């Protein structure tokens, strides 16, 4: 996996975790129901055609949302 792919995965997990923290439940994306390897494969496919710039912007937005900025 490339740096872009890893960053896309981190952004996805952090976005999901923010949602879970806000809801304070175990609800979230249906991807959480998949085994880790399958979930990672789906996340890869969902993000593989996105640009590094787009993924970096999403990662920054997710991070800033978590910090409340």
PDB file of N, CA and C in Angstrom:
ATOM      1  N   UNK A   1       0.845  -1.188   0.000  1.00  0.00           N
ATOM      2  CA  UNK A   1       0.000   0.000   0.000  1.00  0.00           C
ATOM      3  C   UNK A   1       0.883   1.241   0.000  1.00  0.00           C
ATOM      4  N   UNK A   2       0.420   2.254  -0.679  1.00  0.00           N
ATOM      5  CA  UNK A   2       1.173   3.498  -0.753  1.00  0.00           C
ATOM      6  C   UNK A   2       0.856   4.379   0.458  1.00  0.00           C
ATOM      7  N   UNK A   3       1.593   5.469   0.582  1.00  0.00           N
ATOM      8  CA  UNK A   3       1.328   6.436   1.652  1.00  0.00           C
ATOM      9  C   UNK A   3      -0.107   6.948   1.522  1.00  0.00           C
ATOM     10  N   UNK A   4      -0.548   7.205   0.296  1.00  0.00           N
ATOM     11  CA  UNK A   4      -1.914   7.672   0.057  1.00  0.00           C
ATOM     12  C   UNK A   4      -2.925   6.658   0.584  1.00  0.00           C
ATOM     13  N   UNK A   5      -2.695   5.378   0.303  1.00  0.00           N
ATOM     14  CA  UNK A   5      -3.616   4.329   0.752  1.00  0.00           C
ATOM     15  C   UNK A   5      -3.673   4.248   2.274  1.00  0.00           C
ATOM     16  N   UNK A   6      -2.526   4.333   2.903  1.00  0.00           N
ATOM     17  CA  UNK A   6      -2.470   4.281   4.367  1.00  0.00           C
ATOM     18  C   UNK A   6      -3.170   5.490   4.962  1.00  0.00           C
ATOM     19  N   UNK A   7      -2.937   6.661   4.397  1.00  0.00           N
ATOM     20  CA  UNK A   7      -3.590   7.875   4.885  1.00  0.00           C
ATOM     21  C   UNK A   7      -5.102   7.787   4.726  1.00  0.00           C
ATOM     22  N   UNK A   8      -5.559   7.225   3.608  1.00  0.00           N
ATOM     23  CA  UNK A   8      -7.001   7.054   3.393  1.00  0.00           C
ATOM     24  C   UNK A   8      -7.592   6.142   4.463  1.00  0.00           C
ATOM     25  N   UNK A   9      -6.884   5.076   4.815  1.00  0.00           N
ATOM     26  CA  UNK A   9      -7.357   4.167   5.863  1.00  0.00           C
ATOM     27  C   UNK A   9      -7.404   4.879   7.216  1.00  0.00           C
ATOM     28  N   UNK A  10      -6.384   5.607   7.541  1.00  0.00           N
ATOM     29  CA  UNK A  10      -6.356   6.320   8.821  1.00  0.00           C
ATOM     30  C   UNK A  10      -7.505   7.313   8.890  1.00  0.00           C
ATOM     31  N   UNK A  11      -7.710   8.071   7.806  1.00  0.00           N
ATOM     32  CA  UNK A  11      -8.810   9.051   7.788  1.00  0.00           C
ATOM     33  C   UNK A  11     -10.154   8.355   7.956  1.00  0.00           C
ATOM     34  N   UNK A  12     -10.338   7.203   7.300  1.00  0.00           N
ATOM     35  CA  UNK A  12     -11.603   6.479   7.427  1.00  0.00           C
ATOM     36  C   UNK A  12     -11.826   6.040   8.867  1.00  0.00           C
ATOM     37  N   UNK A  13     -10.804   5.439   9.474  1.00  0.00           N
ATOM     38  CA  UNK A  13     -10.955   4.969  10.852  1.00  0.00           C
ATOM     39  C   UNK A  13     -11.212   6.131  11.811  1.00  0.00           C
ATOM     40  N   UNK A  14     -10.503   7.226  11.635  1.00  0.00           N
ATOM     41  CA  UNK A  14     -10.701   8.367  12.534  1.00  0.00           C
ATOM     42  C   UNK A  14     -12.076   8.984  12.349  1.00  0.00           C
ATOM     43  N   UNK A  15     -12.542   9.084  11.098  1.00  0.00           N
ATOM     44  CA  UNK A  15     -13.886   9.614  10.846  1.00  0.00           C
ATOM     45  C   UNK A  15     -14.922   8.726  11.515  1.00  0.00           C
ATOM     46  N   UNK A  16     -14.753   7.426  11.406  1.00  0.00           N
ATOM     47  CA  UNK A  16     -15.687   6.492  12.043  1.00  0.00           C
ATOM     48  C   UNK A  16     -15.647   6.629  13.560  1.00  0.00           C
ATOM     49  N   UNK A  17     -14.455   6.736  14.106  1.00  0.00           N
ATOM     50  CA  UNK A  17     -14.319   6.846  15.562  1.00  0.00           C
ATOM     51  C   UNK A  17     -14.964   8.134  16.074  1.00  0.00           C
ATOM     52  N   UNK A  18     -14.830   9.218  15.329  1.00  0.00           N
ATOM     53  CA  UNK A  18     -15.474  10.475  15.727  1.00  0.00           C
ATOM     54  C   UNK A  18     -16.981  10.272  15.791  1.00  0.00           C
ATOM     55  N   UNK A  19     -17.521   9.616  14.756  1.00  0.00           N
ATOM     56  CA  UNK A  19     -18.961   9.343  14.756  1.00  0.00           C
ATOM     57  C   UNK A  19     -19.374   8.504  15.950  1.00  0.00           C
ATOM     58  N   UNK A  20     -18.590   7.506  16.258  1.00  0.00           N
ATOM     59  CA  UNK A  20     -18.913   6.652  17.400  1.00  0.00           C
ATOM     60  C   UNK A  20     -18.837   7.423  18.710  1.00  0.00           C
ATOM     61  N   UNK A  21     -17.832   8.256  18.837  1.00  0.00           N
ATOM     62  CA  UNK A  21     -17.699   9.041  20.066  1.00  0.00           C
ATOM     63  C   UNK A  21     -18.852  10.018  20.221  1.00  0.00           C
ATOM     64  N   UNK A  22     -19.255  10.629  19.111  1.00  0.00           N
ATOM     65  CA  UNK A  22     -20.380  11.570  19.187  1.00  0.00           C
ATOM     66  C   UNK A  22     -21.686  10.857  19.538  1.00  0.00           C
ATOM     67  N   UNK A  23     -21.863   9.673  19.012  1.00  0.00           N
ATOM     68  CA  UNK A  23     -23.092   8.926  19.261  1.00  0.00           C
ATOM     69  C   UNK A  23     -23.040   8.151  20.565  1.00  0.00           C
ATOM     70  N   UNK A  24     -21.831   7.868  21.030  1.00  0.00           N
ATOM     71  CA  UNK A  24     -21.618   7.066  22.237  1.00  0.00           C
ATOM     72  C   UNK A  24     -22.336   5.726  22.170  1.00  0.00           C
ATOM     73  N   UNK A  25     -22.331   5.173  20.970  1.00  0.00           N
ATOM     74  CA  UNK A  25     -22.889   3.839  20.753  1.00  0.00           C
ATOM     75  C   UNK A  25     -21.895   3.042  19.923  1.00  0.00           C
ATOM     76  N   UNK A  26     -22.203   1.817  19.668  1.00  0.00           N
ATOM     77  CA  UNK A  26     -21.358   0.997  18.812  1.00  0.00           C
ATOM     78  C   UNK A  26     -21.814   1.042  17.358  1.00  0.00           C
ATOM     79  N   UNK A  27     -22.761   1.940  17.056  1.00  0.00           N
ATOM     80  CA  UNK A  27     -23.222   2.092  15.679  1.00  0.00           C
ATOM     81  C   UNK A  27     -22.139   2.770  14.860  1.00  0.00           C
ATOM     82  N   UNK A  28     -22.150   2.540  13.604  1.00  0.00           N
ATOM     83  CA  UNK A  28     -21.183   3.142  12.698  1.00  0.00           C
ATOM     84  C   UNK A  28     -21.390   2.548  11.321  1.00  0.00           C
ATOM     85  N   UNK A  29     -20.399   2.656  10.501  1.00  0.00           N
ATOM     86  CA  UNK A  29     -20.466   2.111   9.158  1.00  0.00           C
ATOM     87  C   UNK A  29     -20.636   0.593   9.208  1.00  0.00           C
ATOM     88  N   UNK A  30     -21.335   0.065   8.217  1.00  0.00           N
ATOM     89  CA  UNK A  30     -21.484  -1.386   8.112  1.00  0.00           C
ATOM     90  C   UNK A  30     -20.144  -2.078   7.879  1.00  0.00           C
ATOM     91  N   UNK A  31     -19.138  -1.307   7.464  1.00  0.00           N
ATOM     92  CA  UNK A  31     -17.815  -1.909   7.248  1.00  0.00           C
ATOM     93  C   UNK A  31     -17.244  -2.482   8.538  1.00  0.00           C
ATOM     94  N   UNK A  32     -17.679  -1.973   9.681  1.00  0.00           N
ATOM     95  CA  UNK A  32     -17.181  -2.510  10.962  1.00  0.00           C
ATOM     96  C   UNK A  32     -17.595  -3.951  11.163  1.00  0.00           C
ATOM     97  N   UNK A  33     -18.624  -4.408  10.443  1.00  0.00           N
ATOM     98  CA  UNK A  33     -19.096  -5.783  10.578  1.00  0.00           C
ATOM     99  C   UNK A  33     -18.217  -6.777   9.820  1.00  0.00           C
ATOM    100  N   UNK A  34     -17.327  -6.273   8.975  1.00  0.00           N
ATOM    101  CA  UNK A  34     -16.451  -7.139   8.196  1.00  0.00           C
ATOM    102  C   UNK A  34     -15.185  -7.471   8.976  1.00  0.00           C
ATOM    103  N   UNK A  35     -14.592  -8.616   8.677  1.00  0.00           N
ATOM    104  CA  UNK A  35     -13.265  -8.893   9.244  1.00  0.00           C
ATOM    105  C   UNK A  35     -12.281  -7.806   8.776  1.00  0.00           C
ATOM    106  N   UNK A  36     -11.273  -7.581   9.557  1.00  0.00           N
ATOM    107  CA  UNK A  36     -10.331  -6.492   9.305  1.00  0.00           C
ATOM    108  C   UNK A  36      -9.751  -6.506   7.893  1.00  0.00           C
ATOM    109  N   UNK A  37      -9.313  -7.652   7.418  1.00  0.00           N
ATOM    110  CA  UNK A  37      -8.725  -7.727   6.076  1.00  0.00           C
ATOM    111  C   UNK A  37      -9.733  -7.364   4.991  1.00  0.00           C
ATOM    112  N   UNK A  38     -10.967  -7.823   5.141  1.00  0.00           N
ATOM    113  CA  UNK A  38     -12.009  -7.487   4.167  1.00  0.00           C
ATOM    114  C   UNK A  38     -12.352  -6.007   4.230  1.00  0.00           C
ATOM    115  N   UNK A  39     -12.462  -5.469   5.444  1.00  0.00           N
ATOM    116  CA  UNK A  39     -12.753  -4.042   5.624  1.00  0.00           C
ATOM    117  C   UNK A  39     -11.659  -3.202   4.964  1.00  0.00           C
ATOM    118  N   UNK A  40     -10.403  -3.570   5.197  1.00  0.00           N
ATOM    119  CA  UNK A  40      -9.300  -2.829   4.594  1.00  0.00           C
ATOM    120  C   UNK A  40      -9.350  -2.885   3.072  1.00  0.00           C
ATOM    121  N   UNK A  41      -9.725  -4.031   2.514  1.00  0.00           N
ATOM    122  CA  UNK A  41      -9.833  -4.163   1.060  1.00  0.00           C
ATOM    123  C   UNK A  41     -10.922  -3.249   0.507  1.00  0.00           C
ATOM    124  N   UNK A  42     -12.047  -3.160   1.199  1.00  0.00           N
ATOM    125  CA  UNK A  42     -13.142  -2.283   0.758  1.00  0.00           C
ATOM    126  C   UNK A  42     -12.710  -0.818   0.841  1.00  0.00           C
ATOM    127  N   UNK A  43     -12.084  -0.442   1.945  1.00  0.00           N
ATOM    128  CA  UNK A  43     -11.616   0.941   2.104  1.00  0.00           C
ATOM    129  C   UNK A  43     -10.624   1.279   1.000  1.00  0.00           C
ATOM    130  N   UNK A  44      -9.730   0.352   0.684  1.00  0.00           N
ATOM    131  CA  UNK A  44      -8.774   0.566  -0.399  1.00  0.00           C
ATOM    132  C   UNK A  44      -9.502   0.820  -1.709  1.00  0.00           C
ATOM    133  N   UNK A  45     -10.489  -0.023  -2.030  1.00  0.00           N
ATOM    134  CA  UNK A  45     -11.232   0.138  -3.279  1.00  0.00           C
ATOM    135  C   UNK A  45     -12.006   1.460  -3.322  1.00  0.00           C
ATOM    136  N   UNK A  46     -12.553   1.870  -2.192  1.00  0.00           N
ATOM    137  CA  UNK A  46     -13.308   3.119  -2.137  1.00  0.00           C
ATOM    138  C   UNK A  46     -12.426   4.345  -2.372  1.00  0.00           C
ATOM    139  N   UNK A  47     -11.158   4.231  -2.071  1.00  0.00           N
ATOM    140  CA  UNK A  47     -10.265   5.388  -2.124  1.00  0.00           C
ATOM    141  C   UNK A  47      -9.195   5.323  -3.198  1.00  0.00           C
ATOM    142  N   UNK A  48      -9.087   4.226  -3.921  1.00  0.00           N
ATOM    143  CA  UNK A  48      -7.959   4.023  -4.821  1.00  0.00           C
ATOM    144  C   UNK A  48      -7.878   5.023  -5.956  1.00  0.00           C
ATOM    145  N   UNK A  49      -8.968   5.582  -6.384  1.00  0.00           N
ATOM    146  CA  UNK A  49      -8.951   6.533  -7.501  1.00  0.00           C
ATOM    147  C   UNK A  49      -8.908   7.991  -7.029  1.00  0.00           C
ATOM    148  N   UNK A  50      -8.930   8.188  -5.725  1.00  0.00           N
ATOM    149  CA  UNK A  50      -8.863   9.556  -5.186  1.00  0.00           C
ATOM    150  C   UNK A  50      -7.427  10.057  -5.210  1.00  0.00           C
ATOM    151  N   UNK A  51      -7.270  11.350  -5.351  1.00  0.00           N
ATOM    152  CA  UNK A  51      -5.928  11.928  -5.372  1.00  0.00           C
ATOM    153  C   UNK A  51      -5.369  12.016  -3.949  1.00  0.00           C
ATOM    154  N   UNK A  52      -4.049  12.078  -3.879  1.00  0.00           N
ATOM    155  CA  UNK A  52      -3.400  12.259  -2.590  1.00  0.00           C
ATOM    156  C   UNK A  52      -3.865  13.568  -1.954  1.00  0.00           C
ATOM    157  N   UNK A  53      -3.995  14.613  -2.739  1.00  0.00           N
ATOM    158  CA  UNK A  53      -4.439  15.909  -2.210  1.00  0.00           C
ATOM    159  C   UNK A  53      -5.830  15.791  -1.579  1.00  0.00           C
ATOM    160  N   UNK A  54      -6.737  15.107  -2.240  1.00  0.00           N
ATOM    161  CA  UNK A  54      -8.097  14.930  -1.715  1.00  0.00           C
ATOM    162  C   UNK A  54      -8.071  14.162  -0.397  1.00  0.00           C
ATOM    163  N   UNK A  55      -7.277  13.110  -0.342  1.00  0.00           N
ATOM    164  CA  UNK A  55      -7.202  12.301   0.874  1.00  0.00           C
ATOM    165  C   UNK A  55      -6.539  13.085   2.000  1.00  0.00           C
ATOM    166  N   UNK A  56      -5.508  13.863   1.681  1.00  0.00           N
ATOM    167  CA  UNK A  56      -4.858  14.696   2.707  1.00  0.00           C
ATOM    168  C   UNK A  56      -5.835  15.724   3.264  1.00  0.00           C
ATOM    169  N   UNK A  57      -6.652  16.318   2.393  1.00  0.00           N
ATOM    170  CA  UNK A  57      -7.652  17.291   2.851  1.00  0.00           C
ATOM    171  C   UNK A  57      -8.675  16.618   3.759  1.00  0.00           C
ATOM    172  N   UNK A  58      -9.102  15.426   3.395  1.00  0.00           N
ATOM    173  CA  UNK A  58     -10.056  14.711   4.245  1.00  0.00           C
ATOM    174  C   UNK A  58      -9.428  14.371   5.594  1.00  0.00           C
ATOM    175  N   UNK A  59      -8.200  13.888   5.573  1.00  0.00           N
ATOM    176  CA  UNK A  59      -7.521  13.534   6.815  1.00  0.00           C
ATOM    177  C   UNK A  59      -7.397  14.756   7.721  1.00  0.00           C
ATOM    178  N   UNK A  60      -7.060  15.892   7.139  1.00  0.00           N
ATOM    179  CA  UNK A  60      -6.944  17.124   7.930  1.00  0.00           C
ATOM    180  C   UNK A  60      -8.303  17.545   8.481  1.00  0.00           C
ATOM    181  N   UNK A  61      -9.345  17.430   7.668  1.00  0.00           N
ATOM    182  CA  UNK A  61     -10.691  17.797   8.121  1.00  0.00           C
ATOM    183  C   UNK A  61     -11.146  16.887   9.255  1.00  0.00           C
ATOM    184  N   UNK A  62     -10.876  15.597   9.138  1.00  0.00           N
ATOM    185  CA  UNK A  62     -11.251  14.647  10.190  1.00  0.00           C
ATOM    186  C   UNK A  62     -10.512  14.988  11.473  1.00  0.00           C
ATOM    187  N   UNK A  63      -9.214  15.243  11.356  1.00  0.00           N
ATOM    188  CA  UNK A  63      -8.399  15.591  12.521  1.00  0.00           C
ATOM    189  C   UNK A  63      -8.918  16.875  13.165  1.00  0.00           C
ATOM    190  N   UNK A  64      -9.193  17.903  12.353  1.00  0.00           N
ATOM    191  CA  UNK A  64      -9.683  19.168  12.896  1.00  0.00           C
ATOM    192  C   UNK A  64     -11.053  19.013  13.539  1.00  0.00           C
ATOM    193  N   UNK A  65     -11.905  18.169  12.983  1.00  0.00           N
ATOM    194  CA  UNK A  65     -13.212  17.919  13.558  1.00  0.00           C
ATOM    195  C   UNK A  65     -13.069  17.286  14.937  1.00  0.00           C
ATOM    196  N   UNK A  66     -12.131  16.371  15.053  1.00  0.00           N
ATOM    197  CA  UNK A  66     -11.886  15.712  16.342  1.00  0.00           C
ATOM    198  C   UNK A  66     -11.426  16.715  17.384  1.00  0.00           C
ATOM    199  N   UNK A  67     -10.593  17.657  16.970  1.00  0.00           N
ATOM    200  CA  UNK A  67     -10.074  18.652  17.911  1.00  0.00           C
ATOM    201  C   UNK A  67     -11.087  19.762  18.175  1.00  0.00           C
ATOM    202  N   UNK A  68     -12.179  19.760  17.410  1.00  0.00           N
ATOM    203  CA  UNK A  68     -13.212  20.772  17.625  1.00  0.00           C
ATOM    204  C   UNK A  68     -12.894  22.113  16.990  1.00  0.00           C
ATOM    205  N   UNK A  69     -11.975  22.133  16.035  1.00  0.00           N
ATOM    206  CA  UNK A  69     -11.628  23.386  15.357  1.00  0.00           C
ATOM    207  C   UNK A  69     -12.556  23.672  14.222  1.00  0.00           C
TER     208      UNK A  69
END
